[in-house]
Amino acid sequence: MNYLFLIPISISLGAIGLGAFLWSLHTNQYEDLEGAAVRVLNPDAPPIPPRKSPNLKNPFGTRSGLSNPTS
């Protein structure tokens, strides 16, 4: 009789899954299924500009006691 709690749990999980599917249909998640694949392969798209690289020589700035570590 300990297994009887599994029935309402499985029904509620199924209802949650069905609700999520119906929500995705209602918000038009399936309208453009091939758009992302076409955008990836589009050679005419403008290139993404490179990001400015941070200062790699000293990313933390200079401090008065650490500017010349050899002395």
PDB file of N, CA and C in Angstrom:
ATOM      1  N   MET A   1       0.811  -1.199   0.000  1.00  0.00           N
ATOM      2  CA  MET A   1       0.000   0.000   0.000  1.00  0.00           C
ATOM      3  C   MET A   1       0.856   1.266   0.000  1.00  0.00           C
ATOM      4  N   ASN A   2       2.164   1.116   0.151  1.00  0.00           N
ATOM      5  CA  ASN A   2       3.028   2.290   0.120  1.00  0.00           C
ATOM      6  C   ASN A   2       3.185   2.852  -1.287  1.00  0.00           C
ATOM      7  N   TYR A   3       2.814   2.096  -2.280  1.00  0.00           N
ATOM      8  CA  TYR A   3       2.978   2.535  -3.659  1.00  0.00           C
ATOM      9  C   TYR A   3       1.819   3.404  -4.129  1.00  0.00           C
ATOM     10  N   LEU A   4       0.776   3.560  -3.337  1.00  0.00           N
ATOM     11  CA  LEU A   4      -0.386   4.339  -3.766  1.00  0.00           C
ATOM     12  C   LEU A   4      -0.082   5.834  -3.883  1.00  0.00           C
ATOM     13  N   PHE A   5       0.951   6.313  -3.219  1.00  0.00           N
ATOM     14  CA  PHE A   5       1.287   7.731  -3.344  1.00  0.00           C
ATOM     15  C   PHE A   5       1.946   8.024  -4.687  1.00  0.00           C
ATOM     16  N   LEU A   6       2.392   6.993  -5.398  1.00  0.00           N
ATOM     17  CA  LEU A   6       3.027   7.214  -6.696  1.00  0.00           C
ATOM     18  C   LEU A   6       2.022   7.615  -7.773  1.00  0.00           C
ATOM     19  N   ILE A   7       0.781   7.185  -7.639  1.00  0.00           N
ATOM     20  CA  ILE A   7      -0.234   7.492  -8.655  1.00  0.00           C
ATOM     21  C   ILE A   7      -0.521   8.995  -8.716  1.00  0.00           C
ATOM     22  N   PRO A   8      -0.811   9.666  -7.603  1.00  0.00           N
ATOM     23  CA  PRO A   8      -1.033  11.119  -7.720  1.00  0.00           C
ATOM     24  C   PRO A   8       0.219  11.887  -8.129  1.00  0.00           C
ATOM     25  N   ILE A   9       1.382  11.405  -7.714  1.00  0.00           N
ATOM     26  CA  ILE A   9       2.622  12.074  -8.118  1.00  0.00           C
ATOM     27  C   ILE A   9       2.813  11.971  -9.621  1.00  0.00           C
ATOM     28  N   SER A  10       2.582  10.786 -10.189  1.00  0.00           N
ATOM     29  CA  SER A  10       2.763  10.623 -11.633  1.00  0.00           C
ATOM     30  C   SER A  10       1.725  11.412 -12.418  1.00  0.00           C
ATOM     31  N   ILE A  11       0.511  11.480 -11.920  1.00  0.00           N
ATOM     32  CA  ILE A  11      -0.519  12.264 -12.606  1.00  0.00           C
ATOM     33  C   ILE A  11      -0.179  13.752 -12.551  1.00  0.00           C
ATOM     34  N   SER A  12       0.304  14.209 -11.396  1.00  0.00           N
ATOM     35  CA  SER A  12       0.647  15.628 -11.301  1.00  0.00           C
ATOM     36  C   SER A  12       1.858  15.970 -12.167  1.00  0.00           C
ATOM     37  N   LEU A  13       2.859  15.087 -12.244  1.00  0.00           N
ATOM     38  CA  LEU A  13       4.006  15.338 -13.124  1.00  0.00           C
ATOM     39  C   LEU A  13       3.589  15.347 -14.588  1.00  0.00           C
ATOM     40  N   GLY A  14       2.676  14.458 -14.962  1.00  0.00           N
ATOM     41  CA  GLY A  14       2.155  14.464 -16.325  1.00  0.00           C
ATOM     42  C   GLY A  14       1.390  15.735 -16.635  1.00  0.00           C
ATOM     43  N   ALA A  15       0.621  16.220 -15.660  1.00  0.00           N
ATOM     44  CA  ALA A  15      -0.129  17.461 -15.856  1.00  0.00           C
ATOM     45  C   ALA A  15       0.821  18.652 -15.981  1.00  0.00           C
ATOM     46  N   ILE A  16       1.900  18.648 -15.202  1.00  0.00           N
ATOM     47  CA  ILE A  16       2.891  19.728 -15.314  1.00  0.00           C
ATOM     48  C   ILE A  16       3.550  19.702 -16.689  1.00  0.00           C
ATOM     49  N   GLY A  17       3.902  18.510 -17.170  1.00  0.00           N
ATOM     50  CA  GLY A  17       4.501  18.394 -18.503  1.00  0.00           C
ATOM     51  C   GLY A  17       3.546  18.830 -19.596  1.00  0.00           C
ATOM     52  N   LEU A  18       2.289  18.439 -19.476  1.00  0.00           N
ATOM     53  CA  LEU A  18       1.289  18.856 -20.459  1.00  0.00           C
ATOM     54  C   LEU A  18       1.088  20.367 -20.414  1.00  0.00           C
ATOM     55  N   GLY A  19       1.083  20.926 -19.221  1.00  0.00           N
ATOM     56  CA  GLY A  19       0.950  22.375 -19.087  1.00  0.00           C
ATOM     57  C   GLY A  19       2.123  23.110 -19.714  1.00  0.00           C
ATOM     58  N   ALA A  20       3.340  22.588 -19.524  1.00  0.00           N
ATOM     59  CA  ALA A  20       4.516  23.218 -20.125  1.00  0.00           C
ATOM     60  C   ALA A  20       4.452  23.143 -21.647  1.00  0.00           C
ATOM     61  N   PHE A  21       3.989  22.017 -22.171  1.00  0.00           N
ATOM     62  CA  PHE A  21       3.867  21.879 -23.621  1.00  0.00           C
ATOM     63  C   PHE A  21       2.817  22.836 -24.172  1.00  0.00           C
ATOM     64  N   LEU A  22       1.675  22.929 -23.505  1.00  0.00           N
ATOM     65  CA  LEU A  22       0.632  23.840 -23.977  1.00  0.00           C
ATOM     66  C   LEU A  22       1.076  25.296 -23.865  1.00  0.00           C
ATOM     67  N   TRP A  23       1.839  25.629 -22.828  1.00  0.00           N
ATOM     68  CA  TRP A  23       2.376  26.981 -22.702  1.00  0.00           C
ATOM     69  C   TRP A  23       3.318  27.285 -23.865  1.00  0.00           C
ATOM     70  N   SER A  24       4.168  26.307 -24.235  1.00  0.00           N
ATOM     71  CA  SER A  24       5.095  26.540 -25.343  1.00  0.00           C
ATOM     72  C   SER A  24       4.349  26.698 -26.663  1.00  0.00           C
ATOM     73  N   LEU A  25       3.249  25.998 -26.827  1.00  0.00           N
ATOM     74  CA  LEU A  25       2.438  26.206 -28.031  1.00  0.00           C
ATOM     75  C   LEU A  25       1.791  27.585 -28.020  1.00  0.00           C
ATOM     76  N   HIS A  26       1.319  28.007 -26.858  1.00  0.00           N
ATOM     77  CA  HIS A  26       0.623  29.290 -26.751  1.00  0.00           C
ATOM     78  C   HIS A  26       1.571  30.468 -26.970  1.00  0.00           C
ATOM     79  N   THR A  27       2.836  30.337 -26.592  1.00  0.00           N
ATOM     80  CA  THR A  27       3.792  31.437 -26.742  1.00  0.00           C
ATOM     81  C   THR A  27       4.594  31.336 -28.035  1.00  0.00           C
ATOM     82  N   ASN A  28       4.145  30.510 -28.986  1.00  0.00           N
ATOM     83  CA  ASN A  28       4.736  30.392 -30.325  1.00  0.00           C
ATOM     84  C   ASN A  28       6.206  29.983 -30.302  1.00  0.00           C
ATOM     85  N   GLN A  29       6.556  29.044 -29.465  1.00  0.00           N
ATOM     86  CA  GLN A  29       7.929  28.567 -29.402  1.00  0.00           C
ATOM     87  C   GLN A  29       8.298  27.722 -30.619  1.00  0.00           C
ATOM     88  N   TYR A  30       7.318  27.199 -31.334  1.00  0.00           N
ATOM     89  CA  TYR A  30       7.587  26.304 -32.458  1.00  0.00           C
ATOM     90  C   TYR A  30       7.344  26.969 -33.807  1.00  0.00           C
ATOM     91  N   GLU A  31       7.281  28.276 -33.859  1.00  0.00           N
ATOM     92  CA  GLU A  31       7.000  28.972 -35.111  1.00  0.00           C
ATOM     93  C   GLU A  31       8.155  28.901 -36.098  1.00  0.00           C
ATOM     94  N   ASP A  32       9.375  29.092 -35.659  1.00  0.00           N
ATOM     95  CA  ASP A  32      10.532  29.165 -36.556  1.00  0.00           C
ATOM     96  C   ASP A  32      11.547  28.098 -36.156  1.00  0.00           C
ATOM     97  N   LEU A  33      11.333  26.876 -36.611  1.00  0.00           N
ATOM     98  CA  LEU A  33      12.200  25.773 -36.212  1.00  0.00           C
ATOM     99  C   LEU A  33      13.526  25.770 -36.962  1.00  0.00           C
ATOM    100  N   GLU A  34      13.564  26.308 -38.175  1.00  0.00           N
ATOM    101  CA  GLU A  34      14.786  26.273 -38.973  1.00  0.00           C
ATOM    102  C   GLU A  34      15.524  27.609 -38.992  1.00  0.00           C
ATOM    103  N   GLY A  35      15.023  28.606 -38.325  1.00  0.00           N
ATOM    104  CA  GLY A  35      15.630  29.927 -38.370  1.00  0.00           C
ATOM    105  C   GLY A  35      17.020  29.971 -37.767  1.00  0.00           C
ATOM    106  N   ALA A  36      17.221  29.308 -36.646  1.00  0.00           N
ATOM    107  CA  ALA A  36      18.536  29.336 -36.000  1.00  0.00           C
ATOM    108  C   ALA A  36      19.579  28.636 -36.862  1.00  0.00           C
ATOM    109  N   ALA A  37      19.198  27.540 -37.504  1.00  0.00           N
ATOM    110  CA  ALA A  37      20.146  26.825 -38.361  1.00  0.00           C
ATOM    111  C   ALA A  37      20.527  27.664 -39.576  1.00  0.00           C
ATOM    112  N   VAL A  38      19.593  28.398 -40.121  1.00  0.00           N
ATOM    113  CA  VAL A  38      19.885  29.250 -41.274  1.00  0.00           C
ATOM    114  C   VAL A  38      20.756  30.428 -40.855  1.00  0.00           C
ATOM    115  N   ARG A  39      20.497  30.993 -39.683  1.00  0.00           N
ATOM    116  CA  ARG A  39      21.300  32.127 -39.218  1.00  0.00           C
ATOM    117  C   ARG A  39      22.741  31.723 -38.946  1.00  0.00           C
ATOM    118  N   VAL A  40      22.975  30.488 -38.520  1.00  0.00           N
ATOM    119  CA  VAL A  40      24.340  30.028 -38.271  1.00  0.00           C
ATOM    120  C   VAL A  40      25.106  29.913 -39.577  1.00  0.00           C
ATOM    121  N   LEU A  41      24.449  29.446 -40.622  1.00  0.00           N
ATOM    122  CA  LEU A  41      25.113  29.198 -41.895  1.00  0.00           C
ATOM    123  C   LEU A  41      25.057  30.384 -42.849  1.00  0.00           C
ATOM    124  N   ASN A  42      24.529  31.515 -42.449  1.00  0.00           N
ATOM    125  CA  ASN A  42      24.372  32.663 -43.322  1.00  0.00           C
ATOM    126  C   ASN A  42      25.720  33.359 -43.513  1.00  0.00           C
ATOM    127  N   PRO A  43      26.311  33.277 -44.721  1.00  0.00           N
ATOM    128  CA  PRO A  43      27.609  33.926 -44.934  1.00  0.00           C
ATOM    129  C   PRO A  43      27.491  35.434 -45.127  1.00  0.00           C
ATOM    130  N   ASP A  44      26.292  35.952 -45.370  1.00  0.00           N
ATOM    131  CA  ASP A  44      26.118  37.377 -45.621  1.00  0.00           C
ATOM    132  C   ASP A  44      25.920  38.191 -44.353  1.00  0.00           C
ATOM    133  N   ALA A  45      25.897  37.543 -43.235  1.00  0.00           N
ATOM    134  CA  ALA A  45      25.699  38.263 -41.975  1.00  0.00           C
ATOM    135  C   ALA A  45      26.935  39.095 -41.656  1.00  0.00           C
ATOM    136  N   PRO A  46      26.753  40.266 -41.106  1.00  0.00           N
ATOM    137  CA  PRO A  46      27.922  41.089 -40.760  1.00  0.00           C
ATOM    138  C   PRO A  46      28.716  40.422 -39.638  1.00  0.00           C
ATOM    139  N   PRO A  47      30.037  40.553 -39.675  1.00  0.00           N
ATOM    140  CA  PRO A  47      30.842  39.907 -38.635  1.00  0.00           C
ATOM    141  C   PRO A  47      30.651  40.589 -37.288  1.00  0.00           C
ATOM    142  N   ILE A  48      30.806  39.821 -36.257  1.00  0.00           N
ATOM    143  CA  ILE A  48      30.704  40.353 -34.906  1.00  0.00           C
ATOM    144  C   ILE A  48      32.012  41.065 -34.584  1.00  0.00           C
ATOM    145  N   PRO A  49      31.957  42.309 -34.150  1.00  0.00           N
ATOM    146  CA  PRO A  49      33.212  43.019 -33.856  1.00  0.00           C
ATOM    147  C   PRO A  49      33.914  42.383 -32.656  1.00  0.00           C
ATOM    148  N   PRO A  50      35.253  42.354 -32.685  1.00  0.00           N
ATOM    149  CA  PRO A  50      35.975  41.745 -31.560  1.00  0.00           C
ATOM    150  C   PRO A  50      35.841  42.600 -30.312  1.00  0.00           C
ATOM    151  N   ARG A  51      35.847  41.916 -29.182  1.00  0.00           N
ATOM    152  CA  ARG A  51      35.772  42.624 -27.914  1.00  0.00           C
ATOM    153  C   ARG A  51      37.124  43.215 -27.581  1.00  0.00           C
ATOM    154  N   LYS A  52      37.114  44.294 -26.849  1.00  0.00           N
ATOM    155  CA  LYS A  52      38.371  44.897 -26.419  1.00  0.00           C
ATOM    156  C   LYS A  52      39.005  43.984 -25.384  1.00  0.00           C
ATOM    157  N   SER A  53      40.262  43.642 -25.625  1.00  0.00           N
ATOM    158  CA  SER A  53      40.934  42.749 -24.689  1.00  0.00           C
ATOM    159  C   SER A  53      41.393  43.537 -23.470  1.00  0.00           C
ATOM    160  N   PRO A  54      41.324  42.926 -22.312  1.00  0.00           N
ATOM    161  CA  PRO A  54      41.780  43.629 -21.110  1.00  0.00           C
ATOM    162  C   PRO A  54      43.300  43.736 -21.095  1.00  0.00           C
ATOM    163  N   ASN A  55      43.811  44.580 -20.250  1.00  0.00           N
ATOM    164  CA  ASN A  55      45.250  44.757 -20.106  1.00  0.00           C
ATOM    165  C   ASN A  55      45.825  43.499 -19.464  1.00  0.00           C
ATOM    166  N   LEU A  56      46.492  42.670 -20.259  1.00  0.00           N
ATOM    167  CA  LEU A  56      46.988  41.400 -19.748  1.00  0.00           C
ATOM    168  C   LEU A  56      48.334  41.526 -19.052  1.00  0.00           C
ATOM    169  N   LYS A  57      49.030  42.636 -19.263  1.00  0.00           N
ATOM    170  CA  LYS A  57      50.330  42.793 -18.609  1.00  0.00           C
ATOM    171  C   LYS A  57      50.159  42.958 -17.105  1.00  0.00           C
ATOM    172  N   ASN A  58      49.219  43.783 -16.714  1.00  0.00           N
ATOM    173  CA  ASN A  58      48.985  43.996 -15.295  1.00  0.00           C
ATOM    174  C   ASN A  58      47.491  44.259 -15.094  1.00  0.00           C
ATOM    175  N   PRO A  59      46.683  43.219 -14.974  1.00  0.00           N
ATOM    176  CA  PRO A  59      45.241  43.422 -14.900  1.00  0.00           C
ATOM    177  C   PRO A  59      44.778  44.060 -13.598  1.00  0.00           C
ATOM    178  N   PHE A  60      45.631  44.089 -12.564  1.00  0.00           N
ATOM    179  CA  PHE A  60      45.215  44.620 -11.274  1.00  0.00           C
ATOM    180  C   PHE A  60      45.730  46.033 -11.023  1.00  0.00           C
ATOM    181  N   GLY A  61      46.399  46.635 -11.995  1.00  0.00           N
ATOM    182  CA  GLY A  61      46.948  47.964 -11.813  1.00  0.00           C
ATOM    183  C   GLY A  61      48.296  47.882 -11.107  1.00  0.00           C
ATOM    184  N   THR A  62      48.919  49.015 -10.911  1.00  0.00           N
ATOM    185  CA  THR A  62      50.226  49.021 -10.253  1.00  0.00           C
ATOM    186  C   THR A  62      50.074  49.516  -8.833  1.00  0.00           C
ATOM    187  N   ARG A  63      50.840  48.932  -7.954  1.00  0.00           N
ATOM    188  CA  ARG A  63      50.908  49.385  -6.570  1.00  0.00           C
ATOM    189  C   ARG A  63      52.336  49.842  -6.316  1.00  0.00           C
ATOM    190  N   SER A  64      52.517  50.741  -5.398  1.00  0.00           N
ATOM    191  CA  SER A  64      53.823  51.367  -5.216  1.00  0.00           C
ATOM    192  C   SER A  64      54.888  50.358  -4.793  1.00  0.00           C
ATOM    193  N   GLY A  65      54.575  49.377  -3.997  1.00  0.00           N
ATOM    194  CA  GLY A  65      55.584  48.438  -3.532  1.00  0.00           C
ATOM    195  C   GLY A  65      55.816  47.272  -4.466  1.00  0.00           C
ATOM    196  N   LEU A  66      54.944  47.059  -5.439  1.00  0.00           N
ATOM    197  CA  LEU A  66      55.048  45.888  -6.303  1.00  0.00           C
ATOM    198  C   LEU A  66      55.406  46.226  -7.739  1.00  0.00           C
ATOM    199  N   SER A  67      55.707  47.473  -8.060  1.00  0.00           N
ATOM    200  CA  SER A  67      55.961  47.831  -9.448  1.00  0.00           C
ATOM    201  C   SER A  67      57.298  47.298  -9.948  1.00  0.00           C
ATOM    202  N   ASN A  68      58.282  47.083  -9.092  1.00  0.00           N
ATOM    203  CA  ASN A  68      59.583  46.560  -9.490  1.00  0.00           C
ATOM    204  C   ASN A  68      59.912  45.366  -8.587  1.00  0.00           C
ATOM    205  N   PRO A  69      59.490  44.146  -8.969  1.00  0.00           N
ATOM    206  CA  PRO A  69      59.657  43.004  -8.067  1.00  0.00           C
ATOM    207  C   PRO A  69      61.092  42.495  -7.972  1.00  0.00           C
ATOM    208  N   THR A  70      62.023  42.949  -8.824  1.00  0.00           N
ATOM    209  CA  THR A  70      63.392  42.429  -8.785  1.00  0.00           C
ATOM    210  C   THR A  70      64.251  43.133  -7.755  1.00  0.00           C
ATOM    211  N   SER A  71      63.850  44.261  -7.235  1.00  0.00           N
ATOM    212  CA  SER A  71      64.699  44.975  -6.280  1.00  0.00           C
ATOM    213  C   SER A  71      64.444  44.571  -4.847  1.00  0.00           C
TER     214      SER A  71
END
